Amino acid sequence: MTVSAGLLLVFLATSAICVAGIVVIGRARRAARDSGAGGEALASRAETQRLLAANWARVEQTARSNGMSEEEIERVRANVLGLHDG
């Protein structure tokens, strides 16, 4: 085995180890980022609408106390409760 063949083998082994490390670290970071939300999935739009509709009195009270106009509240109510015109 010549010196150049030995150096090539060392270079290829080092490169393979670096690539494997990058892949493992990337997967670990992605897993940590995904579990950072407490493992809870994001609520779907339908679930959010059901929650708002079930608690509409509280939603309306909070909207008024934060300065939302009656027109804006009516628009939101129509969207949440499915009363908007097609």
C-alpha atoms as a PDB file:
ATOM      1  CA  MET A   1       0.000   0.000   0.000  1.00  0.00           C
ATOM      2  CA  THR A   2       1.460   3.331  -1.002  1.00  0.00           C
ATOM      3  CA  VAL A   3       1.416   6.497   1.060  1.00  0.00           C
ATOM      4  CA  SER A   4      -1.064   8.188  -1.270  1.00  0.00           C
ATOM      5  CA  ALA A   5      -3.471   5.247  -1.006  1.00  0.00           C
ATOM      6  CA  GLY A   6      -3.213   5.381   2.797  1.00  0.00           C
ATOM      7  CA  LEU A   7      -3.909   9.109   2.840  1.00  0.00           C
ATOM      8  CA  LEU A   8      -6.878   8.618   0.525  1.00  0.00           C
ATOM      9  CA  LEU A   9      -8.267   5.948   2.864  1.00  0.00           C
ATOM     10  CA  VAL A  10      -7.848   8.238   5.903  1.00  0.00           C
ATOM     11  CA  PHE A  11      -9.519  11.111   4.015  1.00  0.00           C
ATOM     12  CA  LEU A  12     -12.491   8.965   2.954  1.00  0.00           C
ATOM     13  CA  ALA A  13     -12.964   7.582   6.481  1.00  0.00           C
ATOM     14  CA  THR A  14     -12.803  11.064   8.000  1.00  0.00           C
ATOM     15  CA  SER A  15     -15.287  12.378   5.443  1.00  0.00           C
ATOM     16  CA  ALA A  16     -17.723   9.515   6.145  1.00  0.00           C
ATOM     17  CA  ILE A  17     -17.522  10.152   9.897  1.00  0.00           C
ATOM     18  CA  CYS A  18     -18.167  13.888   9.405  1.00  0.00           C
ATOM     19  CA  VAL A  19     -21.172  13.301   7.158  1.00  0.00           C
ATOM     20  CA  ALA A  20     -22.634  10.769   9.608  1.00  0.00           C
ATOM     21  CA  GLY A  21     -22.137  13.240  12.475  1.00  0.00           C
ATOM     22  CA  ILE A  22     -23.857  16.027  10.570  1.00  0.00           C
ATOM     23  CA  VAL A  23     -26.829  13.774   9.819  1.00  0.00           C
ATOM     24  CA  VAL A  24     -27.136  12.612  13.445  1.00  0.00           C
ATOM     25  CA  ILE A  25     -26.853  16.147  14.834  1.00  0.00           C
ATOM     26  CA  GLY A  26     -29.418  17.435  12.311  1.00  0.00           C
ATOM     27  CA  ARG A  27     -31.921  14.756  13.283  1.00  0.00           C
ATOM     28  CA  ALA A  28     -31.361  15.419  16.979  1.00  0.00           C
ATOM     29  CA  ARG A  29     -31.908  19.155  16.510  1.00  0.00           C
ATOM     30  CA  ARG A  30     -35.073  18.544  14.494  1.00  0.00           C
ATOM     31  CA  ALA A  31     -36.413  16.150  17.142  1.00  0.00           C
ATOM     32  CA  ALA A  32     -35.645  18.652  19.903  1.00  0.00           C
ATOM     33  CA  ARG A  33     -37.348  21.453  17.988  1.00  0.00           C
ATOM     34  CA  ASP A  34     -40.448  19.334  17.301  1.00  0.00           C
ATOM     35  CA  SER A  35     -40.785  18.252  20.924  1.00  0.00           C
ATOM     36  CA  GLY A  36     -40.220  21.817  22.156  1.00  0.00           C
ATOM     37  CA  ALA A  37     -43.964  22.509  21.951  1.00  0.00           C
ATOM     38  CA  GLY A  38     -44.581  20.093  24.807  1.00  0.00           C
ATOM     39  CA  GLY A  39     -45.383  17.320  22.372  1.00  0.00           C
ATOM     40  CA  GLU A  40     -48.754  18.854  21.633  1.00  0.00           C
ATOM     41  CA  ALA A  41     -49.929  19.012  18.050  1.00  0.00           C
ATOM     42  CA  LEU A  42     -51.133  22.317  16.707  1.00  0.00           C
ATOM     43  CA  ALA A  43     -54.883  22.749  16.861  1.00  0.00           C
ATOM     44  CA  SER A  44     -56.698  22.452  13.588  1.00  0.00           C
ATOM     45  CA  ARG A  45     -58.888  25.234  12.284  1.00  0.00           C
ATOM     46  CA  ALA A  46     -62.037  23.198  13.009  1.00  0.00           C
ATOM     47  CA  GLU A  47     -60.947  22.574  16.611  1.00  0.00           C
ATOM     48  CA  THR A  48     -60.249  26.277  17.072  1.00  0.00           C
ATOM     49  CA  GLN A  49     -63.669  27.189  15.663  1.00  0.00           C
ATOM     50  CA  ARG A  50     -65.377  24.710  18.021  1.00  0.00           C
ATOM     51  CA  LEU A  51     -63.506  26.137  21.004  1.00  0.00           C
ATOM     52  CA  LEU A  52     -64.388  29.728  20.087  1.00  0.00           C
ATOM     53  CA  ALA A  53     -68.042  28.848  19.429  1.00  0.00           C
ATOM     54  CA  ALA A  54     -68.330  26.994  22.738  1.00  0.00           C
ATOM     55  CA  ASN A  55     -66.891  29.976  24.610  1.00  0.00           C
ATOM     56  CA  TRP A  56     -68.370  32.731  22.474  1.00  0.00           C
ATOM     57  CA  ALA A  57     -69.642  34.882  25.368  1.00  0.00           C
ATOM     58  CA  ARG A  58     -66.137  35.088  26.812  1.00  0.00           C
ATOM     59  CA  VAL A  59     -64.605  35.746  23.378  1.00  0.00           C
ATOM     60  CA  GLU A  60     -67.065  38.579  22.757  1.00  0.00           C
ATOM     61  CA  GLN A  61     -66.451  40.091  26.208  1.00  0.00           C
ATOM     62  CA  THR A  62     -62.684  39.985  25.674  1.00  0.00           C
ATOM     63  CA  ALA A  63     -63.006  41.509  22.195  1.00  0.00           C
ATOM     64  CA  ARG A  64     -65.063  44.416  23.546  1.00  0.00           C
ATOM     65  CA  SER A  65     -62.690  45.029  26.441  1.00  0.00           C
ATOM     66  CA  ASN A  66     -59.791  45.194  23.959  1.00  0.00           C
ATOM     67  CA  GLY A  67     -61.514  47.821  21.828  1.00  0.00           C
ATOM     68  CA  MET A  68     -62.983  45.772  18.999  1.00  0.00           C
ATOM     69  CA  SER A  69     -65.930  47.439  17.280  1.00  0.00           C
ATOM     70  CA  GLU A  70     -69.366  45.845  17.059  1.00  0.00           C
ATOM     71  CA  GLU A  71     -68.939  45.454  13.295  1.00  0.00           C
ATOM     72  CA  GLU A  72     -65.668  43.575  13.771  1.00  0.00           C
ATOM     73  CA  ILE A  73     -67.234  41.338  16.410  1.00  0.00           C
ATOM     74  CA  GLU A  74     -70.152  40.569  14.090  1.00  0.00           C
ATOM     75  CA  ARG A  75     -67.747  39.657  11.262  1.00  0.00           C
ATOM     76  CA  VAL A  76     -65.788  37.338  13.545  1.00  0.00           C
ATOM     77  CA  ARG A  77     -69.008  35.785  14.868  1.00  0.00           C
ATOM     78  CA  ALA A  78     -70.167  35.111  11.299  1.00  0.00           C
ATOM     79  CA  ASN A  79     -66.837  33.476  10.418  1.00  0.00           C
ATOM     80  CA  VAL A  80     -66.582  31.408  13.580  1.00  0.00           C
ATOM     81  CA  LEU A  81     -70.176  30.234  13.651  1.00  0.00           C
ATOM     82  CA  GLY A  82     -70.319  29.695   9.885  1.00  0.00           C
ATOM     83  CA  LEU A  83     -72.938  32.369   9.262  1.00  0.00           C
ATOM     84  CA  HIS A  84     -71.066  34.240   6.531  1.00  0.00           C
ATOM     85  CA  ASP A  85     -72.600  34.675   3.115  1.00  0.00           C
ATOM     86  CA  GLY A  86     -71.151  32.129   0.633  1.00  0.00           C
END
